Amino acid sequence: MLEITGIGSLLVLILDVVAIVSIVGSANTTGSKVLWVLLVLILPLIGFIVWLVAGPRARRQIV
């Protein structure tokens, strides 16, 4: 069971790093970048999911 938890944590860490790099490289304002990064850092799994659904790329795909 410990191995599954370790792999899951590593996967969440990798996904969060990808999200943060994407957030920092986006064309959004500095304030929104800071808020997104804080959300991903404070709530790693939930923050990533919220960013994936409501982040900048999600808005571009809808329009």
PDB file of N, CA and C in Angstrom:
ATOM      1  N   MET A   1       0.821  -1.202   0.000  1.00  0.00           N
ATOM      2  CA  MET A   1       0.000   0.000   0.000  1.00  0.00           C
ATOM      3  C   MET A   1       0.860   1.259   0.000  1.00  0.00           C
ATOM      4  N   LEU A   2       2.013   1.194   0.629  1.00  0.00           N
ATOM      5  CA  LEU A   2       2.902   2.340   0.676  1.00  0.00           C
ATOM      6  C   LEU A   2       3.413   2.700  -0.718  1.00  0.00           C
ATOM      7  N   GLU A   3       3.657   1.706  -1.553  1.00  0.00           N
ATOM      8  CA  GLU A   3       4.150   1.964  -2.902  1.00  0.00           C
ATOM      9  C   GLU A   3       3.115   2.708  -3.737  1.00  0.00           C
ATOM     10  N   ILE A   4       1.850   2.339  -3.599  1.00  0.00           N
ATOM     11  CA  ILE A   4       0.783   3.010  -4.351  1.00  0.00           C
ATOM     12  C   ILE A   4       0.676   4.462  -3.919  1.00  0.00           C
ATOM     13  N   THR A   5       0.767   4.720  -2.627  1.00  0.00           N
ATOM     14  CA  THR A   5       0.694   6.089  -2.117  1.00  0.00           C
ATOM     15  C   THR A   5       1.875   6.908  -2.618  1.00  0.00           C
ATOM     16  N   GLY A   6       3.055   6.324  -2.630  1.00  0.00           N
ATOM     17  CA  GLY A   6       4.241   7.034  -3.107  1.00  0.00           C
ATOM     18  C   GLY A   6       4.144   7.374  -4.581  1.00  0.00           C
ATOM     19  N   ILE A   7       3.659   6.437  -5.381  1.00  0.00           N
ATOM     20  CA  ILE A   7       3.499   6.678  -6.820  1.00  0.00           C
ATOM     21  C   ILE A   7       2.435   7.735  -7.064  1.00  0.00           C
ATOM     22  N   GLY A   8       1.343   7.673  -6.318  1.00  0.00           N
ATOM     23  CA  GLY A   8       0.286   8.674  -6.456  1.00  0.00           C
ATOM     24  C   GLY A   8       0.759  10.063  -6.085  1.00  0.00           C
ATOM     25  N   SER A   9       1.535  10.150  -5.012  1.00  0.00           N
ATOM     26  CA  SER A   9       2.072  11.448  -4.594  1.00  0.00           C
ATOM     27  C   SER A   9       3.041  11.999  -5.625  1.00  0.00           C
ATOM     28  N   LEU A  10       3.863  11.138  -6.193  1.00  0.00           N
ATOM     29  CA  LEU A  10       4.798  11.567  -7.230  1.00  0.00           C
ATOM     30  C   LEU A  10       4.049  12.065  -8.465  1.00  0.00           C
ATOM     31  N   LEU A  11       2.978  11.381  -8.824  1.00  0.00           N
ATOM     32  CA  LEU A  11       2.168  11.793  -9.970  1.00  0.00           C
ATOM     33  C   LEU A  11       1.534  13.162  -9.724  1.00  0.00           C
ATOM     34  N   VAL A  12       0.994  13.381  -8.527  1.00  0.00           N
ATOM     35  CA  VAL A  12       0.394  14.676  -8.191  1.00  0.00           C
ATOM     36  C   VAL A  12       1.461  15.765  -8.220  1.00  0.00           C
ATOM     37  N   LEU A  13       2.652  15.475  -7.714  1.00  0.00           N
ATOM     38  CA  LEU A  13       3.741  16.442  -7.735  1.00  0.00           C
ATOM     39  C   LEU A  13       4.113  16.827  -9.166  1.00  0.00           C
ATOM     40  N   ILE A  14       4.226  15.850 -10.030  1.00  0.00           N
ATOM     41  CA  ILE A  14       4.565  16.110 -11.428  1.00  0.00           C
ATOM     42  C   ILE A  14       3.476  16.951 -12.099  1.00  0.00           C
ATOM     43  N   LEU A  15       2.222  16.598 -11.875  1.00  0.00           N
ATOM     44  CA  LEU A  15       1.118  17.352 -12.466  1.00  0.00           C
ATOM     45  C   LEU A  15       1.086  18.791 -11.950  1.00  0.00           C
ATOM     46  N   ASP A  16       1.368  18.972 -10.662  1.00  0.00           N
ATOM     47  CA  ASP A  16       1.390  20.323 -10.099  1.00  0.00           C
ATOM     48  C   ASP A  16       2.523  21.154 -10.678  1.00  0.00           C
ATOM     49  N   VAL A  17       3.682  20.552 -10.879  1.00  0.00           N
ATOM     50  CA  VAL A  17       4.805  21.275 -11.475  1.00  0.00           C
ATOM     51  C   VAL A  17       4.461  21.698 -12.902  1.00  0.00           C
ATOM     52  N   VAL A  18       3.826  20.796 -13.659  1.00  0.00           N
ATOM     53  CA  VAL A  18       3.405  21.134 -15.021  1.00  0.00           C
ATOM     54  C   VAL A  18       2.401  22.285 -14.999  1.00  0.00           C
ATOM     55  N   ALA A  19       1.451  22.245 -14.071  1.00  0.00           N
ATOM     56  CA  ALA A  19       0.460  23.313 -13.962  1.00  0.00           C
ATOM     57  C   ALA A  19       1.120  24.640 -13.614  1.00  0.00           C
ATOM     58  N   ILE A  20       2.053  24.633 -12.665  1.00  0.00           N
ATOM     59  CA  ILE A  20       2.711  25.871 -12.247  1.00  0.00           C
ATOM     60  C   ILE A  20       3.545  26.454 -13.379  1.00  0.00           C
ATOM     61  N   VAL A  21       4.259  25.615 -14.099  1.00  0.00           N
ATOM     62  CA  VAL A  21       5.046  26.103 -15.237  1.00  0.00           C
ATOM     63  C   VAL A  21       4.124  26.715 -16.294  1.00  0.00           C
ATOM     64  N   SER A  22       2.990  26.080 -16.542  1.00  0.00           N
ATOM     65  CA  SER A  22       2.034  26.602 -17.511  1.00  0.00           C
ATOM     66  C   SER A  22       1.422  27.921 -17.037  1.00  0.00           C
ATOM     67  N   ILE A  23       1.128  27.999 -15.750  1.00  0.00           N
ATOM     68  CA  ILE A  23       0.553  29.225 -15.195  1.00  0.00           C
ATOM     69  C   ILE A  23       1.541  30.379 -15.314  1.00  0.00           C
ATOM     70  N   VAL A  24       2.777  30.145 -14.926  1.00  0.00           N
ATOM     71  CA  VAL A  24       3.795  31.206 -14.961  1.00  0.00           C
ATOM     72  C   VAL A  24       4.072  31.644 -16.398  1.00  0.00           C
ATOM     73  N   GLY A  25       4.000  30.736 -17.344  1.00  0.00           N
ATOM     74  CA  GLY A  25       4.265  31.070 -18.737  1.00  0.00           C
ATOM     75  C   GLY A  25       3.071  31.625 -19.486  1.00  0.00           C
ATOM     76  N   SER A  26       1.930  31.732 -18.834  1.00  0.00           N
ATOM     77  CA  SER A  26       0.735  32.223 -19.520  1.00  0.00           C
ATOM     78  C   SER A  26       0.775  33.743 -19.663  1.00  0.00           C
ATOM     79  N   ALA A  27      -0.161  34.265 -20.427  1.00  0.00           N
ATOM     80  CA  ALA A  27      -0.235  35.708 -20.676  1.00  0.00           C
ATOM     81  C   ALA A  27      -1.152  36.415 -19.687  1.00  0.00           C
ATOM     82  N   ASN A  28      -1.557  35.755 -18.641  1.00  0.00           N
ATOM     83  CA  ASN A  28      -2.443  36.366 -17.647  1.00  0.00           C
ATOM     84  C   ASN A  28      -1.714  37.436 -16.845  1.00  0.00           C
ATOM     85  N   THR A  29      -2.486  38.211 -16.092  1.00  0.00           N
ATOM     86  CA  THR A  29      -1.894  39.229 -15.235  1.00  0.00           C
ATOM     87  C   THR A  29      -1.141  38.560 -14.087  1.00  0.00           C
ATOM     88  N   THR A  30      -0.244  39.316 -13.486  1.00  0.00           N
ATOM     89  CA  THR A  30       0.556  38.782 -12.384  1.00  0.00           C
ATOM     90  C   THR A  30      -0.329  38.364 -11.214  1.00  0.00           C
ATOM     91  N   GLY A  31      -1.358  39.135 -10.941  1.00  0.00           N
ATOM     92  CA  GLY A  31      -2.257  38.814  -9.836  1.00  0.00           C
ATOM     93  C   GLY A  31      -2.955  37.479 -10.016  1.00  0.00           C
ATOM     94  N   SER A  32      -3.451  37.227 -11.215  1.00  0.00           N
ATOM     95  CA  SER A  32      -4.139  35.955 -11.443  1.00  0.00           C
ATOM     96  C   SER A  32      -3.157  34.788 -11.426  1.00  0.00           C
ATOM     97  N   LYS A  33      -1.939  35.019 -11.903  1.00  0.00           N
ATOM     98  CA  LYS A  33      -0.914  33.969 -11.845  1.00  0.00           C
ATOM     99  C   LYS A  33      -0.613  33.597 -10.405  1.00  0.00           C
ATOM    100  N   VAL A  34      -0.463  34.609  -9.555  1.00  0.00           N
ATOM    101  CA  VAL A  34      -0.168  34.360  -8.140  1.00  0.00           C
ATOM    102  C   VAL A  34      -1.309  33.581  -7.496  1.00  0.00           C
ATOM    103  N   LEU A  35      -2.536  33.964  -7.775  1.00  0.00           N
ATOM    104  CA  LEU A  35      -3.683  33.254  -7.192  1.00  0.00           C
ATOM    105  C   LEU A  35      -3.749  31.808  -7.652  1.00  0.00           C
ATOM    106  N   TRP A  36      -3.523  31.547  -8.930  1.00  0.00           N
ATOM    107  CA  TRP A  36      -3.550  30.173  -9.427  1.00  0.00           C
ATOM    108  C   TRP A  36      -2.429  29.341  -8.806  1.00  0.00           C
ATOM    109  N   VAL A  37      -1.227  29.912  -8.738  1.00  0.00           N
ATOM    110  CA  VAL A  37      -0.104  29.172  -8.159  1.00  0.00           C
ATOM    111  C   VAL A  37      -0.369  28.871  -6.690  1.00  0.00           C
ATOM    112  N   LEU A  38      -0.897  29.840  -5.948  1.00  0.00           N
ATOM    113  CA  LEU A  38      -1.225  29.593  -4.543  1.00  0.00           C
ATOM    114  C   LEU A  38      -2.274  28.496  -4.397  1.00  0.00           C
ATOM    115  N   LEU A  39      -3.279  28.503  -5.254  1.00  0.00           N
ATOM    116  CA  LEU A  39      -4.306  27.468  -5.199  1.00  0.00           C
ATOM    117  C   LEU A  39      -3.705  26.087  -5.434  1.00  0.00           C
ATOM    118  N   VAL A  40      -2.836  25.982  -6.424  1.00  0.00           N
ATOM    119  CA  VAL A  40      -2.212  24.688  -6.739  1.00  0.00           C
ATOM    120  C   VAL A  40      -1.268  24.257  -5.613  1.00  0.00           C
ATOM    121  N   LEU A  41      -0.570  25.204  -4.991  1.00  0.00           N
ATOM    122  CA  LEU A  41       0.358  24.855  -3.918  1.00  0.00           C
ATOM    123  C   LEU A  41      -0.361  24.490  -2.621  1.00  0.00           C
ATOM    124  N   ILE A  42      -1.425  25.214  -2.296  1.00  0.00           N
ATOM    125  CA  ILE A  42      -2.126  24.967  -1.033  1.00  0.00           C
ATOM    126  C   ILE A  42      -2.990  23.708  -1.112  1.00  0.00           C
ATOM    127  N   LEU A  43      -3.664  23.506  -2.228  1.00  0.00           N
ATOM    128  CA  LEU A  43      -4.512  22.323  -2.429  1.00  0.00           C
ATOM    129  C   LEU A  43      -4.017  21.579  -3.666  1.00  0.00           C
ATOM    130  N   PRO A  44      -2.986  20.757  -3.537  1.00  0.00           N
ATOM    131  CA  PRO A  44      -2.338  20.185  -4.721  1.00  0.00           C
ATOM    132  C   PRO A  44      -3.274  19.446  -5.681  1.00  0.00           C
ATOM    133  N   LEU A  45      -4.020  18.487  -5.221  1.00  0.00           N
ATOM    134  CA  LEU A  45      -4.860  17.713  -6.134  1.00  0.00           C
ATOM    135  C   LEU A  45      -6.081  18.509  -6.573  1.00  0.00           C
ATOM    136  N   ILE A  46      -6.776  19.087  -5.628  1.00  0.00           N
ATOM    137  CA  ILE A  46      -7.986  19.850  -5.951  1.00  0.00           C
ATOM    138  C   ILE A  46      -7.627  21.101  -6.766  1.00  0.00           C
ATOM    139  N   GLY A  47      -6.532  21.763  -6.389  1.00  0.00           N
ATOM    140  CA  GLY A  47      -6.095  22.940  -7.128  1.00  0.00           C
ATOM    141  C   GLY A  47      -5.761  22.617  -8.570  1.00  0.00           C
ATOM    142  N   PHE A  48      -5.100  21.474  -8.796  1.00  0.00           N
ATOM    143  CA  PHE A  48      -4.780  21.068 -10.164  1.00  0.00           C
ATOM    144  C   PHE A  48      -6.049  20.802 -10.959  1.00  0.00           C
ATOM    145  N   ILE A  49      -6.996  20.116 -10.359  1.00  0.00           N
ATOM    146  CA  ILE A  49      -8.249  19.797 -11.061  1.00  0.00           C
ATOM    147  C   ILE A  49      -9.016  21.070 -11.390  1.00  0.00           C
ATOM    148  N   VAL A  50      -9.090  21.996 -10.441  1.00  0.00           N
ATOM    149  CA  VAL A  50      -9.784  23.267 -10.687  1.00  0.00           C
ATOM    150  C   VAL A  50      -9.073  24.040 -11.789  1.00  0.00           C
ATOM    151  N   TRP A  51      -7.741  24.071 -11.755  1.00  0.00           N
ATOM    152  CA  TRP A  51      -6.982  24.758 -12.809  1.00  0.00           C
ATOM    153  C   TRP A  51      -7.222  24.097 -14.163  1.00  0.00           C
ATOM    154  N   LEU A  52      -7.277  22.778 -14.178  1.00  0.00           N
ATOM    155  CA  LEU A  52      -7.486  22.057 -15.427  1.00  0.00           C
ATOM    156  C   LEU A  52      -8.852  22.379 -16.033  1.00  0.00           C
ATOM    157  N   VAL A  53      -9.861  22.513 -15.186  1.00  0.00           N
ATOM    158  CA  VAL A  53     -11.226  22.776 -15.658  1.00  0.00           C
ATOM    159  C   VAL A  53     -11.456  24.267 -15.943  1.00  0.00           C
ATOM    160  N   ALA A  54     -10.965  25.132 -15.069  1.00  0.00           N
ATOM    161  CA  ALA A  54     -11.301  26.556 -15.166  1.00  0.00           C
ATOM    162  C   ALA A  54     -10.124  27.447 -15.504  1.00  0.00           C
ATOM    163  N   GLY A  55      -8.993  26.883 -15.806  1.00  0.00           N
ATOM    164  CA  GLY A  55      -7.800  27.679 -16.090  1.00  0.00           C
ATOM    165  C   GLY A  55      -7.874  28.389 -17.424  1.00  0.00           C
ATOM    166  N   PRO A  56      -6.818  29.063 -17.787  1.00  0.00           N
ATOM    167  CA  PRO A  56      -6.793  29.878 -19.005  1.00  0.00           C
ATOM    168  C   PRO A  56      -7.051  29.073 -20.279  1.00  0.00           C
ATOM    169  N   ARG A  57      -6.519  27.891 -20.372  1.00  0.00           N
ATOM    170  CA  ARG A  57      -6.733  27.076 -21.569  1.00  0.00           C
ATOM    171  C   ARG A  57      -8.177  26.616 -21.686  1.00  0.00           C
ATOM    172  N   ALA A  58      -8.815  26.381 -20.558  1.00  0.00           N
ATOM    173  CA  ALA A  58     -10.218  25.965 -20.588  1.00  0.00           C
ATOM    174  C   ALA A  58     -11.074  27.075 -21.188  1.00  0.00           C
ATOM    175  N   ARG A  59     -10.769  28.322 -20.861  1.00  0.00           N
ATOM    176  CA  ARG A  59     -11.532  29.446 -21.417  1.00  0.00           C
ATOM    177  C   ARG A  59     -11.309  29.577 -22.926  1.00  0.00           C
ATOM    178  N   ARG A  60     -10.104  29.346 -23.385  1.00  0.00           N
ATOM    179  CA  ARG A  60      -9.825  29.468 -24.818  1.00  0.00           C
ATOM    180  C   ARG A  60     -10.536  28.398 -25.620  1.00  0.00           C
ATOM    181  N   GLN A  61     -10.678  27.205 -25.070  1.00  0.00           N
ATOM    182  CA  GLN A  61     -11.330  26.123 -25.800  1.00  0.00           C
ATOM    183  C   GLN A  61     -12.820  26.357 -25.926  1.00  0.00           C
ATOM    184  N   ILE A  62     -13.421  27.007 -24.955  1.00  0.00           N
ATOM    185  CA  ILE A  62     -14.860  27.256 -24.989  1.00  0.00           C
ATOM    186  C   ILE A  62     -15.184  28.300 -26.045  1.00  0.00           C
ATOM    187  N   VAL A  63     -14.368  29.315 -26.163  1.00  0.00           N
ATOM    188  CA  VAL A  63     -14.648  30.432 -27.081  1.00  0.00           C
ATOM    189  C   VAL A  63     -14.430  30.043 -28.503  1.00  0.00           C
TER     190      VAL A  63
END
